C-alpha atoms as a PDB file:
ATOM      1  CA  UNK A   1      -2.180  17.106 -10.953  1.00  0.00           C
ATOM      2  CA  UNK A   2      -4.895  16.345 -13.477  1.00  0.00           C
ATOM      3  CA  UNK A   3      -4.808  12.721 -12.320  1.00  0.00           C
ATOM      4  CA  UNK A   4      -6.030  13.839  -8.907  1.00  0.00           C
ATOM      5  CA  UNK A   5      -9.453  15.367  -9.365  1.00  0.00           C
ATOM      6  CA  UNK A   6     -11.682  16.304  -6.446  1.00  0.00           C
ATOM      7  CA  UNK A   7     -13.473  12.961  -6.642  1.00  0.00           C
ATOM      8  CA  UNK A   8     -10.271  10.932  -6.773  1.00  0.00           C
ATOM      9  CA  UNK A   9      -8.969  12.721  -3.684  1.00  0.00           C
ATOM     10  CA  UNK A  10     -12.278  12.245  -1.886  1.00  0.00           C
ATOM     11  CA  UNK A  11     -12.410   8.565  -2.850  1.00  0.00           C
ATOM     12  CA  UNK A  12      -8.926   7.960  -1.442  1.00  0.00           C
ATOM     13  CA  UNK A  13      -9.739   9.792   1.780  1.00  0.00           C
ATOM     14  CA  UNK A  14     -12.944   7.826   2.240  1.00  0.00           C
ATOM     15  CA  UNK A  15     -10.970   4.617   1.655  1.00  0.00           C
ATOM     16  CA  UNK A  16      -8.536   5.652   4.393  1.00  0.00           C
ATOM     17  CA  UNK A  17     -11.415   6.550   6.721  1.00  0.00           C
ATOM     18  CA  UNK A  18     -12.286   2.866   7.078  1.00  0.00           C
ATOM     19  CA  UNK A  19      -8.945   2.319   8.811  1.00  0.00           C
ATOM     20  CA  UNK A  20      -9.562   5.257  11.126  1.00  0.00           C
ATOM     21  CA  UNK A  21     -12.927   3.736  12.046  1.00  0.00           C
ATOM     22  CA  UNK A  22     -11.428   0.247  12.435  1.00  0.00           C
ATOM     23  CA  UNK A  23      -8.628   1.500  14.694  1.00  0.00           C
ATOM     24  CA  UNK A  24     -11.114   3.548  16.740  1.00  0.00           C
ATOM     25  CA  UNK A  25     -13.333   0.492  17.263  1.00  0.00           C
ATOM     26  CA  UNK A  26     -10.379  -1.675  18.271  1.00  0.00           C
ATOM     27  CA  UNK A  27      -9.167   0.966  20.738  1.00  0.00           C
ATOM     28  CA  UNK A  28     -12.620   1.643  22.175  1.00  0.00           C
ATOM     29  CA  UNK A  29     -13.778  -1.971  22.502  1.00  0.00           C
ATOM     30  CA  UNK A  30     -10.403  -3.243  23.682  1.00  0.00           C
ATOM     31  CA  UNK A  31     -10.001  -0.271  26.001  1.00  0.00           C
ATOM     32  CA  UNK A  32     -13.486  -0.870  27.371  1.00  0.00           C
ATOM     33  CA  UNK A  33     -12.715  -4.496  28.224  1.00  0.00           C
ATOM     34  CA  UNK A  34      -9.387  -3.630  29.865  1.00  0.00           C
ATOM     35  CA  UNK A  35     -10.967  -0.609  31.543  1.00  0.00           C
ATOM     36  CA  UNK A  36     -13.734  -2.716  33.088  1.00  0.00           C
ATOM     37  CA  UNK A  37     -11.167  -5.098  34.572  1.00  0.00           C
ATOM     38  CA  UNK A  38      -9.147  -2.153  35.894  1.00  0.00           C
ATOM     39  CA  UNK A  39     -12.316  -0.629  37.345  1.00  0.00           C
ATOM     40  CA  UNK A  40     -12.867  -3.694  39.519  1.00  0.00           C
ATOM     41  CA  UNK A  41      -9.243  -3.574  40.656  1.00  0.00           C
ATOM     42  CA  UNK A  42      -9.296   0.195  41.220  1.00  0.00           C
ATOM     43  CA  UNK A  43     -12.429   0.122  43.386  1.00  0.00           C
ATOM     44  CA  UNK A  44     -11.657  -3.122  45.226  1.00  0.00           C
ATOM     45  CA  UNK A  45     -10.153  -1.326  48.257  1.00  0.00           C
ATOM     46  CA  UNK A  46      -7.369  -3.927  48.239  1.00  0.00           C
ATOM     47  CA  UNK A  47      -4.136  -1.935  48.397  1.00  0.00           C
ATOM     48  CA  UNK A  48      -1.909  -4.360  46.505  1.00  0.00           C
ATOM     49  CA  UNK A  49      -4.406  -4.270  43.634  1.00  0.00           C
ATOM     50  CA  UNK A  50      -5.184  -0.561  43.796  1.00  0.00           C
ATOM     51  CA  UNK A  51      -1.614   0.739  43.778  1.00  0.00           C
ATOM     52  CA  UNK A  52      -0.370  -0.857  40.500  1.00  0.00           C
ATOM     53  CA  UNK A  53      -3.694  -0.040  38.850  1.00  0.00           C
ATOM     54  CA  UNK A  54      -3.366   3.587  39.889  1.00  0.00           C
ATOM     55  CA  UNK A  55       0.215   3.710  38.587  1.00  0.00           C
ATOM     56  CA  UNK A  56      -0.944   2.248  35.270  1.00  0.00           C
ATOM     57  CA  UNK A  57      -3.649   4.907  34.964  1.00  0.00           C
ATOM     58  CA  UNK A  58      -1.286   7.708  35.958  1.00  0.00           C
ATOM     59  CA  UNK A  59       1.248   6.604  33.355  1.00  0.00           C
ATOM     60  CA  UNK A  60      -1.146   6.455  30.413  1.00  0.00           C
ATOM     61  CA  UNK A  61      -2.993   9.603  31.436  1.00  0.00           C
ATOM     62  CA  UNK A  62       0.126  11.534  32.356  1.00  0.00           C
ATOM     63  CA  UNK A  63       2.231  10.886  29.266  1.00  0.00           C
ATOM     64  CA  UNK A  64       1.539  12.002  25.673  1.00  0.00           C
ATOM     65  CA  UNK A  65      -0.177   9.471  23.434  1.00  0.00           C
ATOM     66  CA  UNK A  66       2.470  10.247  20.814  1.00  0.00           C
ATOM     67  CA  UNK A  67       5.217   9.060  23.171  1.00  0.00           C
ATOM     68  CA  UNK A  68       3.273   5.880  23.894  1.00  0.00           C
ATOM     69  CA  UNK A  69       3.018   5.179  20.169  1.00  0.00           C
ATOM     70  CA  UNK A  70       6.787   5.657  19.842  1.00  0.00           C
ATOM     71  CA  UNK A  71       7.407   3.256  22.741  1.00  0.00           C
ATOM     72  CA  UNK A  72       5.238   0.521  21.260  1.00  0.00           C
ATOM     73  CA  UNK A  73       6.637   0.917  17.744  1.00  0.00           C
ATOM     74  CA  UNK A  74      10.261   2.004  18.089  1.00  0.00           C
ATOM     75  CA  UNK A  75      10.977   1.105  21.722  1.00  0.00           C
ATOM     76  CA  UNK A  76       9.946  -2.540  21.441  1.00  0.00           C
ATOM     77  CA  UNK A  77      12.212  -2.914  18.390  1.00  0.00           C
ATOM     78  CA  UNK A  78      15.231  -2.279  20.637  1.00  0.00           C
ATOM     79  CA  UNK A  79      14.561  -5.681  22.220  1.00  0.00           C
ATOM     80  CA  UNK A  80      14.551  -7.384  18.842  1.00  0.00           C
ATOM     81  CA  UNK A  81      10.757  -7.542  18.586  1.00  0.00           C
ATOM     82  CA  UNK A  82       9.349  -6.270  15.320  1.00  0.00           C
ATOM     83  CA  UNK A  83       5.803  -4.911  15.447  1.00  0.00           C
ATOM     84  CA  UNK A  84       3.685  -3.563  12.622  1.00  0.00           C
ATOM     85  CA  UNK A  85       2.174  -0.070  12.714  1.00  0.00           C
ATOM     86  CA  UNK A  86      -1.236  -1.765  13.056  1.00  0.00           C
ATOM     87  CA  UNK A  87      -0.161  -3.696  16.168  1.00  0.00           C
ATOM     88  CA  UNK A  88       1.636  -0.764  17.777  1.00  0.00           C
ATOM     89  CA  UNK A  89      -1.226   1.656  17.136  1.00  0.00           C
ATOM     90  CA  UNK A  90      -3.848  -0.834  18.325  1.00  0.00           C
ATOM     91  CA  UNK A  91      -2.023  -1.637  21.567  1.00  0.00           C
ATOM     92  CA  UNK A  92      -1.087   1.948  22.397  1.00  0.00           C
ATOM     93  CA  UNK A  93      -4.573   3.314  21.757  1.00  0.00           C
ATOM     94  CA  UNK A  94      -6.240   0.427  23.585  1.00  0.00           C
ATOM     95  CA  UNK A  95      -4.177   0.954  26.738  1.00  0.00           C
ATOM     96  CA  UNK A  96      -4.514   4.746  26.525  1.00  0.00           C
ATOM     97  CA  UNK A  97      -8.282   4.426  26.143  1.00  0.00           C
ATOM     98  CA  UNK A  98      -8.556   1.944  29.006  1.00  0.00           C
ATOM     99  CA  UNK A  99      -6.861   4.346  31.434  1.00  0.00           C
ATOM    100  CA  UNK A 100      -9.329   7.136  30.713  1.00  0.00           C
ATOM    101  CA  UNK A 101     -12.394   4.899  30.659  1.00  0.00           C
ATOM    102  CA  UNK A 102     -11.397   3.423  34.017  1.00  0.00           C
ATOM    103  CA  UNK A 103     -11.369   6.852  35.615  1.00  0.00           C
ATOM    104  CA  UNK A 104     -14.609   7.910  33.921  1.00  0.00           C
ATOM    105  CA  UNK A 105     -16.335   4.782  35.174  1.00  0.00           C
ATOM    106  CA  UNK A 106     -14.748   5.008  38.632  1.00  0.00           C
ATOM    107  CA  UNK A 107     -16.265   8.466  39.041  1.00  0.00           C
ATOM    108  CA  UNK A 108     -19.658   7.053  38.074  1.00  0.00           C
ATOM    109  CA  UNK A 109     -19.318   4.180  40.555  1.00  0.00           C
ATOM    110  CA  UNK A 110     -18.320   6.565  43.335  1.00  0.00           C
ATOM    111  CA  UNK A 111     -21.370   8.711  42.537  1.00  0.00           C
ATOM    112  CA  UNK A 112     -23.601   5.870  43.753  1.00  0.00           C
ATOM    113  CA  UNK A 113     -24.694   6.554  47.363  1.00  0.00           C
ATOM    114  CA  UNK A 114     -22.823   4.584  50.026  1.00  0.00           C
ATOM    115  CA  UNK A 115     -26.137   3.330  51.282  1.00  0.00           C
ATOM    116  CA  UNK A 116     -26.342   1.089  48.207  1.00  0.00           C
ATOM    117  CA  UNK A 117     -23.069  -0.572  49.187  1.00  0.00           C
ATOM    118  CA  UNK A 118     -24.205  -0.980  52.784  1.00  0.00           C
ATOM    119  CA  UNK A 119     -27.600  -2.381  51.799  1.00  0.00           C
ATOM    120  CA  UNK A 120     -26.078  -4.938  49.433  1.00  0.00           C
ATOM    121  CA  UNK A 121     -23.468  -5.908  52.038  1.00  0.00           C
ATOM    122  CA  UNK A 122     -26.225  -6.454  54.575  1.00  0.00           C
ATOM    123  CA  UNK A 123     -27.667  -9.262  52.449  1.00  0.00           C
ATOM    124  CA  UNK A 124     -24.292 -11.015  52.362  1.00  0.00           C
ATOM    125  CA  UNK A 125     -23.250  -9.979  48.855  1.00  0.00           C
ATOM    126  CA  UNK A 126     -19.524 -10.085  48.151  1.00  0.00           C
ATOM    127  CA  UNK A 127     -17.735  -7.319  46.230  1.00  0.00           C
ATOM    128  CA  UNK A 128     -18.229  -8.893  42.792  1.00  0.00           C
ATOM    129  CA  UNK A 129     -21.929  -9.452  43.434  1.00  0.00           C
ATOM    130  CA  UNK A 130     -22.348  -5.899  44.732  1.00  0.00           C
ATOM    131  CA  UNK A 131     -20.773  -4.489  41.592  1.00  0.00           C
ATOM    132  CA  UNK A 132     -22.638  -6.783  39.215  1.00  0.00           C
ATOM    133  CA  UNK A 133     -26.150  -6.631  40.635  1.00  0.00           C
ATOM    134  CA  UNK A 134     -26.361  -3.310  42.475  1.00  0.00           C
ATOM    135  CA  UNK A 135     -23.669  -0.740  41.658  1.00  0.00           C
ATOM    136  CA  UNK A 136     -22.886  -1.174  37.947  1.00  0.00           C
ATOM    137  CA  UNK A 137     -26.521  -1.136  36.735  1.00  0.00           C
ATOM    138  CA  UNK A 138     -26.957   2.261  38.403  1.00  0.00           C
ATOM    139  CA  UNK A 139     -23.502   3.569  37.409  1.00  0.00           C
ATOM    140  CA  UNK A 140     -24.090   2.647  33.758  1.00  0.00           C
ATOM    141  CA  UNK A 141     -26.910   5.165  33.559  1.00  0.00           C
ATOM    142  CA  UNK A 142     -24.502   7.907  34.608  1.00  0.00           C
ATOM    143  CA  UNK A 143     -21.616   6.612  32.499  1.00  0.00           C
ATOM    144  CA  UNK A 144     -23.294   6.420  29.087  1.00  0.00           C
ATOM    145  CA  UNK A 145     -23.023  10.101  28.160  1.00  0.00           C
ATOM    146  CA  UNK A 146     -19.355  10.685  29.153  1.00  0.00           C
ATOM    147  CA  UNK A 147     -18.352   7.341  27.627  1.00  0.00           C
ATOM    148  CA  UNK A 148     -19.935   8.217  24.281  1.00  0.00           C
ATOM    149  CA  UNK A 149     -18.367  11.673  24.543  1.00  0.00           C
ATOM    150  CA  UNK A 150     -14.915  10.190  25.124  1.00  0.00           C
ATOM    151  CA  UNK A 151     -15.256   8.105  21.959  1.00  0.00           C
ATOM    152  CA  UNK A 152     -14.784  11.387  20.074  1.00  0.00           C
ATOM    153  CA  UNK A 153     -11.353  11.757  21.680  1.00  0.00           C
ATOM    154  CA  UNK A 154     -10.487   8.211  20.624  1.00  0.00           C
ATOM    155  CA  UNK A 155     -11.329   8.962  16.988  1.00  0.00           C
ATOM    156  CA  UNK A 156      -9.224  12.127  17.021  1.00  0.00           C
ATOM    157  CA  UNK A 157      -6.427  10.274  18.816  1.00  0.00           C
ATOM    158  CA  UNK A 158      -6.069   7.861  15.905  1.00  0.00           C
ATOM    159  CA  UNK A 159      -4.628  10.737  13.860  1.00  0.00           C
ATOM    160  CA  UNK A 160      -1.389  10.423  15.839  1.00  0.00           C
ATOM    161  CA  UNK A 161      -0.924   6.882  14.526  1.00  0.00           C
ATOM    162  CA  UNK A 162       0.162   8.454  11.238  1.00  0.00           C
ATOM    163  CA  UNK A 163       3.495   9.310  12.856  1.00  0.00           C
ATOM    164  CA  UNK A 164       4.472   5.611  12.950  1.00  0.00           C
ATOM    165  CA  UNK A 165       3.370   4.975   9.368  1.00  0.00           C
ATOM    166  CA  UNK A 166      -0.172   3.770   9.976  1.00  0.00           C
ATOM    167  CA  UNK A 167      -2.171   4.877   6.935  1.00  0.00           C
ATOM    168  CA  UNK A 168      -5.382   6.292   8.339  1.00  0.00           C
ATOM    169  CA  UNK A 169      -7.225   9.471   7.407  1.00  0.00           C
ATOM    170  CA  UNK A 170      -4.555  11.970   8.464  1.00  0.00           C
ATOM    171  CA  UNK A 171      -1.705   9.985   6.912  1.00  0.00           C
ATOM    172  CA  UNK A 172      -3.667   9.593   3.675  1.00  0.00           C
ATOM    173  CA  UNK A 173      -4.300  13.346   3.655  1.00  0.00           C
ATOM    174  CA  UNK A 174      -0.575  14.051   4.003  1.00  0.00           C
ATOM    175  CA  UNK A 175       0.271  11.620   1.211  1.00  0.00           C
ATOM    176  CA  UNK A 176      -2.347  13.125  -1.101  1.00  0.00           C
ATOM    177  CA  UNK A 177      -1.166  16.635  -0.320  1.00  0.00           C
ATOM    178  CA  UNK A 178       2.419  15.665  -1.200  1.00  0.00           C
ATOM    179  CA  UNK A 179       1.193  14.217  -4.494  1.00  0.00           C
ATOM    180  CA  UNK A 180      -1.195  17.013  -5.502  1.00  0.00           C
ATOM    181  CA  UNK A 181       0.171  20.151  -3.794  1.00  0.00           C
ATOM    182  CA  UNK A 182      -3.418  21.151  -2.984  1.00  0.00           C
ATOM    183  CA  UNK A 183      -3.283  21.485   0.816  1.00  0.00           C
ATOM    184  CA  UNK A 184      -6.436  23.572   1.227  1.00  0.00           C
ATOM    185  CA  UNK A 185      -8.611  21.084  -0.627  1.00  0.00           C
ATOM    186  CA  UNK A 186      -7.065  17.972   0.902  1.00  0.00           C
ATOM    187  CA  UNK A 187      -7.026  19.115   4.512  1.00  0.00           C
ATOM    188  CA  UNK A 188     -10.453  20.742   4.210  1.00  0.00           C
ATOM    189  CA  UNK A 189     -11.817  17.334   3.171  1.00  0.00           C
ATOM    190  CA  UNK A 190      -9.911  15.613   5.979  1.00  0.00           C
ATOM    191  CA  UNK A 191     -11.386  18.047   8.506  1.00  0.00           C
ATOM    192  CA  UNK A 192     -14.872  17.573   7.043  1.00  0.00           C
ATOM    193  CA  UNK A 193     -14.639  13.780   7.336  1.00  0.00           C
ATOM    194  CA  UNK A 194     -13.446  14.023  10.956  1.00  0.00           C
ATOM    195  CA  UNK A 195     -16.356  16.366  11.636  1.00  0.00           C
ATOM    196  CA  UNK A 196     -18.797  13.886  10.097  1.00  0.00           C
ATOM    197  CA  UNK A 197     -17.371  11.146  12.333  1.00  0.00           C
ATOM    198  CA  UNK A 198     -17.229  13.137  15.565  1.00  0.00           C
ATOM    199  CA  UNK A 199     -20.190  15.502  15.485  1.00  0.00           C
ATOM    200  CA  UNK A 200     -22.913  12.806  15.601  1.00  0.00           C
ATOM    201  CA  UNK A 201     -21.215  11.246  18.651  1.00  0.00           C
ATOM    202  CA  UNK A 202     -20.922  14.621  20.416  1.00  0.00           C
ATOM    203  CA  UNK A 203     -24.546  15.396  19.631  1.00  0.00           C
ATOM    204  CA  UNK A 204     -25.658  11.960  20.809  1.00  0.00           C
ATOM    205  CA  UNK A 205     -23.697  12.335  24.064  1.00  0.00           C
ATOM    206  CA  UNK A 206     -25.349  15.686  24.802  1.00  0.00           C
ATOM    207  CA  UNK A 207     -28.779  14.275  24.039  1.00  0.00           C
ATOM    208  CA  UNK A 208     -28.143  11.339  26.352  1.00  0.00           C
ATOM    209  CA  UNK A 209     -26.894  13.653  29.094  1.00  0.00           C
ATOM    210  CA  UNK A 210     -30.037  15.709  28.876  1.00  0.00           C
ATOM    211  CA  UNK A 211     -32.325  12.692  28.602  1.00  0.00           C
ATOM    212  CA  UNK A 212     -30.805  10.869  31.527  1.00  0.00           C
ATOM    213  CA  UNK A 213     -30.651  14.085  33.524  1.00  0.00           C
ATOM    214  CA  UNK A 214     -27.168  13.327  34.783  1.00  0.00           C
ATOM    215  CA  UNK A 215     -25.970  16.884  34.449  1.00  0.00           C
ATOM    216  CA  UNK A 216     -28.226  18.080  37.301  1.00  0.00           C
END
């Protein structure tokens, strides 16, 4: 136990935090790209595009993230395809994030008055042009605060990746606790690091919401 002083434990947790941050960035950026594509499909008003997109969103929103991680890690192996914890966690969190971001952004797009759609259609804009030049620039102003706020959920969601062997902050905390038998110290530090990651984002989201006056 003497080999694991406070500073050694903290150093190891901070080392593991980089993987939590890396996985969060992969999930958020990848989910944002996929979510933007799904947003166009979801709001296209073309039934054969809307229906599968809606089913995709319902699946990833309506099932536990933990189960999705199991499917990508253990389920795929049943078909003879070996995936690393990194790959499974990255894919599962990216798709999970994309489903929620799509719905957040869809709500922002639908908050734009219908008159904006009608005005842009009157100057012969097609759907893509309407979204690009008229709707999305206005919807982005509404979407910034809830999108930043959701990033907190993505960071906390990475903790579940520990269940498939991905060594991020929570997994490192468990390993250190098993080695030191000092659960209060280890998990207090884990909680403090999560707080330091999440609180600035929550604070920033609230400031943006107030500044942009989207809550009124």
